[in-house]
């Protein structure tokens, strides 16, 4: 569980990164979950976009994916959301 200070720190870091993935009308599939899991292992902090043609809400989608990959939901703004999961190498040092 992230503290408020840690969440704020991750939000500021996420501001400078681009979305690495898009979720479209296909929704959340096993392949999408696998790709997100791999990306979290490599980067720890990722931003994902939910396309307008999908009928999904960003926050709902973020929470479902976070639960599936055992990650922390950081934030959602508009149709984008940010997830964080600490890896064994600890790429990001949290306050």
Protein backbone atom coordinates (compact mmCIF):
# COMPACT_ATOMS: atom_id res chain seq x y z
CA UNK A 1 0.00 0.00 0.00
CA UNK A 2 1.33 3.41 -1.00
CA UNK A 3 1.39 6.35 1.37
CA UNK A 4 0.18 9.78 0.23
CA UNK A 5 3.74 11.05 -0.06
CA UNK A 6 4.78 8.05 -2.20
CA UNK A 7 1.72 8.41 -4.41
CA UNK A 8 2.47 12.11 -4.94
CA UNK A 9 6.08 11.29 -5.84
CA UNK A 10 4.94 8.67 -8.38
CA UNK A 11 2.39 11.09 -9.87
CA UNK A 12 5.13 13.65 -10.45
CA UNK A 13 7.32 11.01 -12.12
CA UNK A 14 4.43 9.79 -14.28
CA UNK A 15 3.83 13.30 -15.56
CA UNK A 16 6.95 13.06 -17.72
CA UNK A 17 6.38 9.62 -19.24
CA UNK A 18 4.36 8.65 -22.32
CA UNK A 19 1.74 5.94 -22.51
CA UNK A 20 3.36 2.64 -23.41
CA UNK A 21 0.14 0.81 -24.18
CA UNK A 22 -3.40 1.35 -25.38
CA UNK A 23 -6.50 -0.61 -24.47
CA UNK A 24 -9.08 -0.57 -27.24
CA UNK A 25 -12.38 -2.21 -28.04
CA UNK A 26 -10.89 -5.66 -27.38
CA UNK A 27 -10.82 -4.77 -23.69
CA UNK A 28 -8.72 -6.51 -21.08
CA UNK A 29 -7.45 -9.81 -22.46
CA UNK A 30 -4.88 -12.30 -21.17
CA UNK A 31 -2.39 -10.92 -23.67
CA UNK A 32 -2.91 -7.36 -22.40
CA UNK A 33 -2.41 -8.52 -18.80
CA UNK A 34 0.80 -10.36 -19.78
CA UNK A 35 2.20 -7.30 -21.59
CA UNK A 36 1.41 -5.03 -18.65
CA UNK A 37 2.97 -7.51 -16.22
CA UNK A 38 6.17 -7.61 -18.30
CA UNK A 39 6.25 -3.80 -18.59
CA UNK A 40 5.86 -3.38 -14.83
CA UNK A 41 8.70 -5.82 -14.21
CA UNK A 42 10.95 -3.84 -16.55
CA UNK A 43 9.92 -0.27 -15.64
CA UNK A 44 7.98 -0.31 -12.33
CA UNK A 45 5.93 2.77 -13.34
CA UNK A 46 3.80 2.72 -16.50
CA UNK A 47 1.11 4.86 -18.10
CA UNK A 48 -1.68 3.28 -20.15
CA UNK A 49 -4.34 4.87 -22.38
CA UNK A 50 -7.91 3.68 -22.77
CA UNK A 51 -9.08 4.44 -26.29
CA UNK A 52 -12.42 6.16 -26.94
CA UNK A 53 -13.71 3.22 -29.00
CA UNK A 54 -13.57 0.93 -25.95
CA UNK A 55 -16.52 1.07 -23.61
CA UNK A 56 -14.27 0.97 -20.53
CA UNK A 57 -13.75 3.63 -17.87
CA UNK A 58 -10.11 4.41 -17.09
CA UNK A 59 -10.37 4.10 -13.30
CA UNK A 60 -12.35 0.84 -13.38
CA UNK A 61 -9.95 -0.62 -15.93
CA UNK A 62 -6.94 0.48 -13.87
CA UNK A 63 -8.27 -1.18 -10.73
CA UNK A 64 -9.05 -4.44 -12.56
CA UNK A 65 -5.60 -4.58 -14.13
CA UNK A 66 -3.84 -3.59 -10.88
CA UNK A 67 -5.56 -6.46 -9.10
CA UNK A 68 -4.68 -8.92 -11.88
CA UNK A 69 -0.96 -8.01 -11.94
CA UNK A 70 -0.62 -7.23 -8.19
CA UNK A 71 0.26 -3.58 -8.81
CA UNK A 72 -0.66 -0.31 -7.14
CA UNK A 73 -3.09 2.09 -8.77
CA UNK A 74 -1.48 5.55 -8.74
CA UNK A 75 -3.88 7.84 -10.63
CA UNK A 76 -6.14 8.28 -13.61
CA UNK A 77 -6.64 11.48 -15.55
CA UNK A 78 -9.10 11.50 -18.44
CA UNK A 79 -8.55 8.34 -20.43
CA UNK A 80 -5.06 7.58 -19.04
CA UNK A 81 -4.00 5.82 -15.88
CA UNK A 82 -0.77 5.03 -14.06
CA UNK A 83 0.26 1.80 -12.32
CA UNK A 84 3.24 1.03 -10.10
CA UNK A 85 4.76 -2.24 -8.94
CA UNK A 86 8.12 -2.53 -7.23
CA UNK A 87 10.54 -4.92 -8.93
CA UNK A 88 13.37 -6.89 -7.36
CA UNK A 89 15.97 -4.43 -8.70
CA UNK A 90 14.17 -1.39 -7.19
CA UNK A 91 14.49 0.99 -10.13
CA UNK A 92 12.50 3.74 -8.38
CA UNK A 93 13.47 4.72 -4.86
CA UNK A 94 10.32 5.83 -3.03
CA UNK A 95 10.48 8.51 -0.28
